Amino acid sequence: MVALIFTAYGTWQYVEGQKPPAIPQATPLQTPYEFTIKDINGTQFSLSNHKGKVIVIHIMAVGCHGQINRINDNQLTQLKTVCNSFCGKEQVTLITVAVATCPSSDLQQIRATYRVTWLFGNDYDDRKMDIAQKYATQGDGTIVIIDKTYHISETYGSTTASTLSAKINQLLGA
């Protein structure tokens, strides 16, 4: 009986340990929080270098072995559609900021699975969750849009590509 209890407890601990980390809801910001992050391909990204553009920031928790919550499956799919319209254009920058606390989180596999062509970095590379703690006003899956005047324009929980595209077009003056 004792062995059964220890086995059940160990299994429960293992399963719980595989889940994405909890991202606490942040207090809404009026002005952007400055940050620098390294893309998983090694490209350095500094938010302040993108002033004058519409910036879309997606905050996403990633568990061990690449587990993500359902909201991020939706957000990545919607962002892929948005990227098809806006990526590569000078006035728009997309970035997904993952919070991956396990060495086995396999962000490269997530990038490949969702065909992420925009910037994709890990907030936890420096053992802090400072970016997520500032921007995740809707919790895991938050998408924040910063306008060309460098102010936070909109924050979304679960959303659609058409909603995001309409907002980006509005901010671009299209």
N, C-alpha and C. Protein backbone atom coordinates (compact mmCIF):
# COMPACT_ATOMS: atom_id res chain seq x y z
N MET A 1 0.82 -1.19 0.00
CA MET A 1 0.00 0.00 0.00
C MET A 1 0.86 1.26 0.00
N VAL A 2 1.92 1.25 0.82
CA VAL A 2 2.82 2.41 0.89
C VAL A 2 3.49 2.64 -0.47
N ALA A 3 3.91 1.54 -1.12
CA ALA A 3 4.54 1.65 -2.44
C ALA A 3 3.57 2.26 -3.45
N LEU A 4 2.31 1.88 -3.38
CA LEU A 4 1.28 2.41 -4.27
C LEU A 4 1.10 3.91 -4.05
N ILE A 5 1.10 4.33 -2.81
CA ILE A 5 0.94 5.76 -2.49
C ILE A 5 2.14 6.54 -3.03
N PHE A 6 3.36 6.05 -2.79
CA PHE A 6 4.55 6.73 -3.29
C PHE A 6 4.58 6.78 -4.82
N THR A 7 4.15 5.70 -5.46
CA THR A 7 4.12 5.67 -6.92
C THR A 7 3.10 6.69 -7.45
N ALA A 8 1.94 6.73 -6.84
CA ALA A 8 0.90 7.69 -7.27
C ALA A 8 1.38 9.12 -7.05
N TYR A 9 2.00 9.37 -5.91
CA TYR A 9 2.50 10.72 -5.62
C TYR A 9 3.60 11.10 -6.60
N GLY A 10 4.50 10.21 -6.89
CA GLY A 10 5.60 10.46 -7.83
C GLY A 10 5.07 10.73 -9.23
N THR A 11 4.08 9.97 -9.65
CA THR A 11 3.46 10.17 -10.96
C THR A 11 2.79 11.53 -11.02
N TRP A 12 2.06 11.88 -9.98
CA TRP A 12 1.39 13.18 -9.91
C TRP A 12 2.41 14.31 -10.00
N GLN A 13 3.51 14.21 -9.25
CA GLN A 13 4.55 15.24 -9.25
C GLN A 13 5.17 15.36 -10.65
N TYR A 14 5.40 14.24 -11.31
CA TYR A 14 5.99 14.26 -12.66
C TYR A 14 5.05 14.97 -13.63
N VAL A 15 3.78 14.59 -13.62
CA VAL A 15 2.80 15.19 -14.54
C VAL A 15 2.67 16.68 -14.26
N GLU A 16 2.57 17.06 -12.99
CA GLU A 16 2.46 18.48 -12.64
C GLU A 16 3.70 19.25 -13.08
N GLY A 17 4.86 18.62 -13.00
CA GLY A 17 6.10 19.27 -13.38
C GLY A 17 6.26 19.49 -14.87
N GLN A 18 5.46 18.80 -15.69
CA GLN A 18 5.54 18.93 -17.14
C GLN A 18 4.71 20.09 -17.67
N LYS A 19 3.78 20.58 -16.86
CA LYS A 19 2.87 21.63 -17.31
C LYS A 19 3.59 22.96 -17.45
N PRO A 20 3.04 23.84 -18.31
CA PRO A 20 3.62 25.18 -18.43
C PRO A 20 3.59 25.91 -17.10
N PRO A 21 4.57 26.77 -16.84
CA PRO A 21 4.58 27.52 -15.58
C PRO A 21 3.42 28.51 -15.53
N ALA A 22 3.00 28.83 -14.34
CA ALA A 22 1.93 29.82 -14.18
C ALA A 22 2.50 31.21 -14.43
N ILE A 23 1.78 32.00 -15.20
CA ILE A 23 2.16 33.38 -15.43
C ILE A 23 1.14 34.24 -14.71
N PRO A 24 1.57 34.97 -13.69
CA PRO A 24 0.61 35.79 -12.95
C PRO A 24 0.13 36.96 -13.82
N GLN A 25 -1.12 37.38 -13.56
CA GLN A 25 -1.66 38.53 -14.29
C GLN A 25 -0.92 39.79 -13.87
N ALA A 26 -0.50 40.56 -14.86
CA ALA A 26 0.22 41.80 -14.61
C ALA A 26 -0.75 42.96 -14.47
N THR A 27 -0.28 44.01 -13.86
CA THR A 27 -1.03 45.26 -13.79
C THR A 27 -0.87 45.96 -15.13
N PRO A 28 -1.95 46.45 -15.74
CA PRO A 28 -1.84 47.10 -17.05
C PRO A 28 -0.86 48.28 -17.03
N LEU A 29 -0.06 48.35 -18.07
CA LEU A 29 0.92 49.42 -18.23
C LEU A 29 0.36 50.50 -19.17
N GLN A 30 0.79 51.72 -18.99
CA GLN A 30 0.45 52.79 -19.92
C GLN A 30 1.54 52.94 -20.98
N THR A 31 2.78 52.82 -20.54
CA THR A 31 3.91 52.92 -21.45
C THR A 31 4.64 51.59 -21.45
N PRO A 32 5.28 51.26 -22.55
CA PRO A 32 5.95 49.96 -22.64
C PRO A 32 7.08 49.78 -21.64
N TYR A 33 7.23 48.56 -21.19
CA TYR A 33 8.36 48.16 -20.34
C TYR A 33 9.51 47.82 -21.29
N GLU A 34 10.62 48.48 -21.10
CA GLU A 34 11.80 48.25 -21.94
C GLU A 34 12.40 46.88 -21.63
N PHE A 35 12.72 46.14 -22.66
CA PHE A 35 13.39 44.85 -22.45
C PHE A 35 14.25 44.49 -23.65
N THR A 36 15.20 43.63 -23.37
CA THR A 36 16.04 43.03 -24.40
C THR A 36 15.96 41.53 -24.19
N ILE A 37 15.85 40.81 -25.28
CA ILE A 37 15.75 39.35 -25.22
C ILE A 37 16.47 38.77 -26.43
N LYS A 38 17.01 37.58 -26.26
CA LYS A 38 17.67 36.92 -27.37
C LYS A 38 16.69 35.93 -28.00
N ASP A 39 16.51 36.04 -29.31
CA ASP A 39 15.70 35.10 -30.06
C ASP A 39 16.35 33.72 -29.95
N ILE A 40 15.57 32.65 -30.06
CA ILE A 40 16.14 31.31 -29.90
C ILE A 40 17.15 30.98 -31.00
N ASN A 41 17.20 31.80 -32.05
CA ASN A 41 18.23 31.63 -33.08
C ASN A 41 19.45 32.49 -32.80
N GLY A 42 19.43 33.25 -31.67
CA GLY A 42 20.58 34.04 -31.28
C GLY A 42 20.51 35.51 -31.63
N THR A 43 19.45 35.94 -32.32
CA THR A 43 19.29 37.35 -32.68
C THR A 43 18.88 38.15 -31.45
N GLN A 44 19.60 39.24 -31.19
CA GLN A 44 19.27 40.11 -30.05
C GLN A 44 18.10 41.02 -30.44
N PHE A 45 17.10 41.12 -29.58
CA PHE A 45 15.94 41.98 -29.80
C PHE A 45 15.85 42.96 -28.65
N SER A 46 15.80 44.24 -28.97
CA SER A 46 15.60 45.28 -27.97
C SER A 46 14.33 46.04 -28.35
N LEU A 47 13.39 46.10 -27.44
CA LEU A 47 12.11 46.75 -27.73
C LEU A 47 12.30 48.18 -28.21
N SER A 48 13.20 48.92 -27.57
CA SER A 48 13.37 50.33 -27.91
C SER A 48 13.89 50.53 -29.34
N ASN A 49 14.51 49.52 -29.93
CA ASN A 49 14.96 49.63 -31.32
C ASN A 49 13.81 49.59 -32.32
N HIS A 50 12.61 49.33 -31.84
CA HIS A 50 11.45 49.21 -32.73
C HIS A 50 10.46 50.36 -32.55
N LYS A 51 10.90 51.41 -31.85
CA LYS A 51 10.06 52.60 -31.71
C LYS A 51 9.71 53.11 -33.10
N GLY A 52 8.48 53.60 -33.25
CA GLY A 52 8.02 54.08 -34.55
C GLY A 52 7.33 53.01 -35.37
N LYS A 53 7.29 51.79 -34.86
CA LYS A 53 6.61 50.68 -35.52
C LYS A 53 5.44 50.24 -34.65
N VAL A 54 4.55 49.47 -35.22
CA VAL A 54 3.53 48.78 -34.44
C VAL A 54 4.19 47.48 -33.97
N ILE A 55 4.17 47.27 -32.66
CA ILE A 55 4.84 46.10 -32.08
C ILE A 55 3.77 45.20 -31.45
N VAL A 56 3.80 43.93 -31.80
CA VAL A 56 2.86 42.94 -31.24
C VAL A 56 3.68 41.98 -30.39
N ILE A 57 3.35 41.93 -29.09
CA ILE A 57 4.05 41.05 -28.15
C ILE A 57 3.09 39.98 -27.67
N HIS A 58 3.49 38.73 -27.80
CA HIS A 58 2.69 37.58 -27.33
C HIS A 58 3.45 36.92 -26.18
N ILE A 59 2.79 36.75 -25.04
CA ILE A 59 3.38 36.12 -23.86
C ILE A 59 2.83 34.70 -23.75
N MET A 60 3.74 33.72 -23.61
CA MET A 60 3.32 32.32 -23.67
C MET A 60 4.12 31.46 -22.69
N ALA A 61 3.44 30.73 -21.83
CA ALA A 61 4.09 29.76 -20.94
C ALA A 61 4.32 28.46 -21.71
N VAL A 62 5.49 27.85 -21.47
CA VAL A 62 5.84 26.59 -22.12
C VAL A 62 6.31 25.62 -21.05
N GLY A 63 5.70 24.45 -21.01
CA GLY A 63 6.08 23.43 -20.04
C GLY A 63 7.23 22.58 -20.54
N CYS A 64 7.61 21.64 -19.71
CA CYS A 64 8.66 20.70 -20.09
C CYS A 64 8.20 19.91 -21.31
N HIS A 65 9.08 19.65 -22.21
CA HIS A 65 8.82 18.90 -23.43
C HIS A 65 7.85 19.64 -24.37
N GLY A 66 7.81 20.98 -24.24
CA GLY A 66 7.07 21.80 -25.19
C GLY A 66 5.57 21.91 -24.98
N GLN A 67 5.07 21.51 -23.82
CA GLN A 67 3.63 21.64 -23.57
C GLN A 67 3.24 23.12 -23.53
N ILE A 68 2.14 23.44 -24.20
CA ILE A 68 1.58 24.79 -24.11
C ILE A 68 0.10 24.68 -23.79
N ASN A 69 -0.43 25.72 -23.20
CA ASN A 69 -1.86 25.75 -22.91
C ASN A 69 -2.64 26.03 -24.19
N ARG A 70 -3.90 25.62 -24.19
CA ARG A 70 -4.76 25.74 -25.36
C ARG A 70 -4.81 27.16 -25.92
N ILE A 71 -4.81 28.16 -25.04
CA ILE A 71 -4.88 29.55 -25.51
C ILE A 71 -3.72 29.87 -26.44
N ASN A 72 -2.54 29.32 -26.15
CA ASN A 72 -1.37 29.61 -26.99
C ASN A 72 -1.39 28.86 -28.30
N ASP A 73 -2.04 27.71 -28.33
CA ASP A 73 -2.26 27.04 -29.61
C ASP A 73 -3.07 27.98 -30.51
N ASN A 74 -4.11 28.57 -29.94
CA ASN A 74 -4.93 29.53 -30.69
C ASN A 74 -4.12 30.77 -31.07
N GLN A 75 -3.42 31.35 -30.10
CA GLN A 75 -2.70 32.60 -30.36
C GLN A 75 -1.62 32.41 -31.43
N LEU A 76 -0.89 31.32 -31.38
CA LEU A 76 0.15 31.08 -32.39
C LEU A 76 -0.46 30.91 -33.78
N THR A 77 -1.59 30.22 -33.85
CA THR A 77 -2.27 30.05 -35.13
C THR A 77 -2.75 31.39 -35.67
N GLN A 78 -3.32 32.23 -34.80
CA GLN A 78 -3.79 33.55 -35.23
C GLN A 78 -2.61 34.45 -35.63
N LEU A 79 -1.52 34.39 -34.86
CA LEU A 79 -0.35 35.21 -35.18
C LEU A 79 0.29 34.78 -36.50
N LYS A 80 0.23 33.50 -36.84
CA LYS A 80 0.76 33.04 -38.13
C LYS A 80 0.00 33.71 -39.26
N THR A 81 -1.31 33.80 -39.14
CA THR A 81 -2.12 34.47 -40.16
C THR A 81 -1.77 35.96 -40.23
N VAL A 82 -1.63 36.59 -39.07
CA VAL A 82 -1.25 38.01 -39.02
C VAL A 82 0.13 38.20 -39.66
N CYS A 83 1.05 37.32 -39.36
CA CYS A 83 2.40 37.42 -39.90
C CYS A 83 2.39 37.30 -41.42
N ASN A 84 1.53 36.46 -41.95
CA ASN A 84 1.44 36.33 -43.41
C ASN A 84 1.12 37.67 -44.07
N SER A 85 0.39 38.54 -43.37
CA SER A 85 0.05 39.86 -43.91
C SER A 85 1.08 40.93 -43.59
N PHE A 86 1.72 40.84 -42.42
CA PHE A 86 2.52 41.97 -41.95
C PHE A 86 4.02 41.71 -41.78
N CYS A 87 4.43 40.47 -41.60
CA CYS A 87 5.86 40.21 -41.38
C CYS A 87 6.67 40.61 -42.61
N GLY A 88 7.82 41.18 -42.35
CA GLY A 88 8.67 41.64 -43.44
C GLY A 88 8.38 43.06 -43.86
N LYS A 89 7.33 43.64 -43.30
CA LYS A 89 7.03 45.03 -43.59
C LYS A 89 7.69 45.88 -42.52
N GLU A 90 8.27 46.97 -42.92
CA GLU A 90 9.07 47.81 -42.03
C GLU A 90 8.33 48.35 -40.82
N GLN A 91 7.03 48.51 -40.89
CA GLN A 91 6.30 49.20 -39.83
C GLN A 91 5.68 48.29 -38.77
N VAL A 92 5.91 46.97 -38.86
CA VAL A 92 5.31 46.03 -37.91
C VAL A 92 6.36 45.03 -37.42
N THR A 93 6.37 44.80 -36.11
CA THR A 93 7.26 43.80 -35.49
C THR A 93 6.41 42.88 -34.63
N LEU A 94 6.57 41.58 -34.81
CA LEU A 94 5.92 40.58 -33.97
C LEU A 94 6.98 39.86 -33.16
N ILE A 95 6.66 39.57 -31.90
CA ILE A 95 7.56 38.78 -31.06
C ILE A 95 6.74 37.93 -30.10
N THR A 96 7.09 36.67 -29.99
CA THR A 96 6.53 35.80 -28.97
C THR A 96 7.58 35.67 -27.88
N VAL A 97 7.17 35.97 -26.66
CA VAL A 97 8.05 35.85 -25.50
C VAL A 97 7.57 34.64 -24.71
N ALA A 98 8.33 33.56 -24.79
CA ALA A 98 8.00 32.34 -24.06
C ALA A 98 8.55 32.43 -22.65
N VAL A 99 7.87 31.74 -21.74
CA VAL A 99 8.39 31.54 -20.39
C VAL A 99 8.58 30.03 -20.28
N ALA A 100 9.81 29.60 -20.56
CA ALA A 100 10.14 28.18 -20.56
C ALA A 100 11.17 27.94 -19.47
N THR A 101 10.74 27.33 -18.37
CA THR A 101 11.60 27.15 -17.21
C THR A 101 12.36 25.82 -17.22
N CYS A 102 12.04 24.93 -18.12
CA CYS A 102 12.71 23.62 -18.19
C CYS A 102 13.71 23.61 -19.35
N PRO A 103 14.87 23.01 -19.13
CA PRO A 103 15.82 22.89 -20.24
C PRO A 103 15.24 22.07 -21.40
N SER A 104 14.25 21.23 -21.11
CA SER A 104 13.66 20.36 -22.14
C SER A 104 12.41 20.97 -22.79
N SER A 105 12.23 22.27 -22.69
CA SER A 105 11.01 22.89 -23.22
C SER A 105 10.92 22.86 -24.74
N ASP A 106 12.02 22.70 -25.43
CA ASP A 106 12.08 22.50 -26.88
C ASP A 106 11.36 23.60 -27.67
N LEU A 107 11.83 24.81 -27.51
CA LEU A 107 11.24 25.94 -28.22
C LEU A 107 11.44 25.83 -29.73
N GLN A 108 12.52 25.20 -30.15
CA GLN A 108 12.74 25.01 -31.60
C GLN A 108 11.62 24.17 -32.21
N GLN A 109 11.16 23.16 -31.47
CA GLN A 109 10.08 22.31 -31.98
C GLN A 109 8.78 23.10 -32.08
N ILE A 110 8.50 23.94 -31.10
CA ILE A 110 7.30 24.78 -31.16
C ILE A 110 7.40 25.71 -32.36
N ARG A 111 8.57 26.33 -32.55
CA ARG A 111 8.77 27.21 -33.69
C ARG A 111 8.49 26.46 -34.99
N ALA A 112 8.98 25.25 -35.13
CA ALA A 112 8.77 24.47 -36.35
C ALA A 112 7.31 24.05 -36.51
N THR A 113 6.70 23.57 -35.43
CA THR A 113 5.31 23.10 -35.49
C THR A 113 4.36 24.20 -35.94
N TYR A 114 4.53 25.40 -35.40
CA TYR A 114 3.63 26.51 -35.71
C TYR A 114 4.15 27.40 -36.83
N ARG A 115 5.28 27.01 -37.40
CA ARG A 115 5.90 27.78 -38.49
C ARG A 115 6.09 29.24 -38.10
N VAL A 116 6.64 29.44 -36.91
CA VAL A 116 6.89 30.79 -36.39
C VAL A 116 8.08 31.38 -37.15
N THR A 117 7.82 32.46 -37.88
CA THR A 117 8.89 33.14 -38.63
C THR A 117 9.24 34.48 -37.99
N TRP A 118 8.46 34.87 -37.00
CA TRP A 118 8.74 36.13 -36.29
C TRP A 118 9.68 35.83 -35.12
N LEU A 119 10.08 36.88 -34.41
CA LEU A 119 10.99 36.73 -33.28
C LEU A 119 10.36 35.85 -32.20
N PHE A 120 11.18 35.00 -31.58
CA PHE A 120 10.69 34.03 -30.61
C PHE A 120 11.79 33.82 -29.57
N GLY A 121 11.60 34.35 -28.37
CA GLY A 121 12.62 34.24 -27.34
C GLY A 121 12.08 33.71 -26.04
N ASN A 122 12.99 33.40 -25.13
CA ASN A 122 12.62 32.85 -23.82
C ASN A 122 12.89 33.89 -22.73
N ASP A 123 11.84 34.37 -22.11
CA ASP A 123 11.95 35.34 -21.02
C ASP A 123 12.75 34.77 -19.85
N TYR A 124 12.76 33.46 -19.70
CA TYR A 124 13.39 32.83 -18.54
C TYR A 124 14.87 32.49 -18.77
N ASP A 125 15.44 32.86 -19.92
CA ASP A 125 16.86 32.61 -20.16
C ASP A 125 17.74 33.21 -19.08
N ASP A 126 17.30 34.32 -18.51
CA ASP A 126 18.08 34.99 -17.45
C ASP A 126 17.58 34.62 -16.05
N ARG A 127 16.73 33.59 -15.97
CA ARG A 127 16.17 33.09 -14.71
C ARG A 127 15.20 34.07 -14.07
N LYS A 128 14.69 35.01 -14.84
CA LYS A 128 13.67 35.94 -14.37
C LYS A 128 12.49 35.85 -15.32
N MET A 129 11.34 36.30 -14.88
CA MET A 129 10.16 36.38 -15.72
C MET A 129 9.73 37.83 -15.85
N ASP A 130 10.68 38.73 -16.02
CA ASP A 130 10.37 40.15 -15.95
C ASP A 130 9.46 40.63 -17.07
N ILE A 131 9.63 40.13 -18.28
CA ILE A 131 8.80 40.58 -19.40
C ILE A 131 7.37 40.12 -19.20
N ALA A 132 7.20 38.83 -18.89
CA ALA A 132 5.84 38.30 -18.66
C ALA A 132 5.18 39.00 -17.48
N GLN A 133 5.95 39.26 -16.42
CA GLN A 133 5.38 39.91 -15.24
C GLN A 133 4.91 41.33 -15.54
N LYS A 134 5.45 41.96 -16.56
CA LYS A 134 5.03 43.32 -16.92
C LYS A 134 3.89 43.34 -17.94
N TYR A 135 3.89 42.38 -18.88
CA TYR A 135 2.96 42.45 -20.00
C TYR A 135 1.75 41.52 -19.92
N ALA A 136 1.79 40.48 -19.12
CA ALA A 136 0.73 39.46 -19.14
C ALA A 136 -0.51 39.90 -18.36
N THR A 137 -1.12 40.98 -18.77
CA THR A 137 -2.31 41.50 -18.07
C THR A 137 -3.51 40.58 -18.20
N GLN A 138 -3.51 39.71 -19.19
CA GLN A 138 -4.58 38.73 -19.37
C GLN A 138 -4.11 37.33 -18.98
N GLY A 139 -2.94 37.23 -18.34
CA GLY A 139 -2.38 35.95 -17.98
C GLY A 139 -1.69 35.30 -19.17
N ASP A 140 -1.56 33.99 -19.13
CA ASP A 140 -0.92 33.25 -20.21
C ASP A 140 -1.67 33.50 -21.51
N GLY A 141 -0.93 33.75 -22.58
CA GLY A 141 -1.55 33.98 -23.88
C GLY A 141 -1.82 35.44 -24.20
N THR A 142 -1.47 36.35 -23.30
CA THR A 142 -1.70 37.77 -23.53
C THR A 142 -1.00 38.25 -24.80
N ILE A 143 -1.70 39.06 -25.57
CA ILE A 143 -1.12 39.74 -26.72
C ILE A 143 -1.27 41.24 -26.47
N VAL A 144 -0.15 41.95 -26.57
CA VAL A 144 -0.11 43.39 -26.34
C VAL A 144 0.30 44.06 -27.65
N ILE A 145 -0.40 45.14 -28.00
CA ILE A 145 -0.03 45.91 -29.19
C ILE A 145 0.43 47.29 -28.74
N ILE A 146 1.63 47.65 -29.19
CA ILE A 146 2.21 48.96 -28.92
C ILE A 146 2.13 49.76 -30.22
N ASP A 147 1.63 50.99 -30.13
CA ASP A 147 1.47 51.79 -31.35
C ASP A 147 2.76 52.48 -31.76
N LYS A 148 2.73 53.18 -32.90
CA LYS A 148 3.93 53.83 -33.44
C LYS A 148 4.42 54.98 -32.57
N THR A 149 3.55 55.51 -31.69
CA THR A 149 3.97 56.58 -30.79
C THR A 149 4.52 56.00 -29.48
N TYR A 150 4.68 54.68 -29.44
CA TYR A 150 5.28 53.96 -28.32
C TYR A 150 4.42 54.00 -27.06
N HIS A 151 3.14 53.75 -27.27
CA HIS A 151 2.19 53.61 -26.17
C HIS A 151 1.44 52.29 -26.34
N ILE A 152 1.07 51.71 -25.23
CA ILE A 152 0.30 50.47 -25.29
C ILE A 152 -1.10 50.82 -25.76
N SER A 153 -1.46 50.24 -26.89
CA SER A 153 -2.73 50.56 -27.52
C SER A 153 -3.83 49.59 -27.12
N GLU A 154 -3.48 48.32 -27.06
CA GLU A 154 -4.51 47.29 -26.83
C GLU A 154 -3.87 46.07 -26.20
N THR A 155 -4.65 45.36 -25.39
CA THR A 155 -4.23 44.10 -24.80
C THR A 155 -5.37 43.10 -24.99
N TYR A 156 -5.01 41.90 -25.40
CA TYR A 156 -6.01 40.86 -25.67
C TYR A 156 -5.71 39.60 -24.88
N GLY A 157 -6.78 38.88 -24.55
CA GLY A 157 -6.67 37.49 -24.12
C GLY A 157 -6.80 36.69 -25.41
N SER A 158 -7.66 35.74 -25.48
CA SER A 158 -7.87 35.00 -26.71
C SER A 158 -8.46 35.93 -27.76
N THR A 159 -7.91 35.90 -28.96
CA THR A 159 -8.36 36.80 -30.01
C THR A 159 -8.23 36.14 -31.37
N THR A 160 -8.67 36.85 -32.39
CA THR A 160 -8.62 36.32 -33.76
C THR A 160 -7.64 37.12 -34.61
N ALA A 161 -7.22 36.50 -35.70
CA ALA A 161 -6.32 37.18 -36.63
C ALA A 161 -7.00 38.41 -37.23
N SER A 162 -8.29 38.32 -37.49
CA SER A 162 -8.98 39.47 -38.09
C SER A 162 -9.03 40.65 -37.12
N THR A 163 -9.23 40.40 -35.84
CA THR A 163 -9.23 41.47 -34.84
C THR A 163 -7.84 42.10 -34.75
N LEU A 164 -6.81 41.27 -34.69
CA LEU A 164 -5.45 41.79 -34.62
C LEU A 164 -5.08 42.57 -35.88
N SER A 165 -5.41 42.03 -37.03
CA SER A 165 -5.10 42.70 -38.30
C SER A 165 -5.81 44.03 -38.42
N ALA A 166 -7.07 44.07 -38.02
CA ALA A 166 -7.83 45.33 -38.07
C ALA A 166 -7.18 46.38 -37.18
N LYS A 167 -6.76 45.98 -35.98
CA LYS A 167 -6.12 46.93 -35.06
C LYS A 167 -4.78 47.40 -35.62
N ILE A 168 -4.00 46.48 -36.17
CA ILE A 168 -2.71 46.86 -36.73
C ILE A 168 -2.92 47.83 -37.90
N ASN A 169 -3.86 47.52 -38.78
CA ASN A 169 -4.16 48.42 -39.91
C ASN A 169 -4.58 49.80 -39.42
N GLN A 170 -5.42 49.82 -38.38
CA GLN A 170 -5.85 51.10 -37.82
C GLN A 170 -4.64 51.89 -37.32
N LEU A 171 -3.75 51.22 -36.61
CA LEU A 171 -2.57 51.90 -36.06
C LEU A 171 -1.57 52.32 -37.13
N LEU A 172 -1.58 51.63 -38.26
CA LEU A 172 -0.71 52.01 -39.38
C LEU A 172 -1.32 53.13 -40.20
N GLY A 173 -2.60 53.41 -39.92
CA GLY A 173 -3.27 54.47 -40.68
C GLY A 173 -3.76 54.00 -42.03
N ALA A 174 -3.92 52.69 -42.19
CA ALA A 174 -4.37 52.13 -43.48
C ALA A 174 -5.86 52.23 -43.65
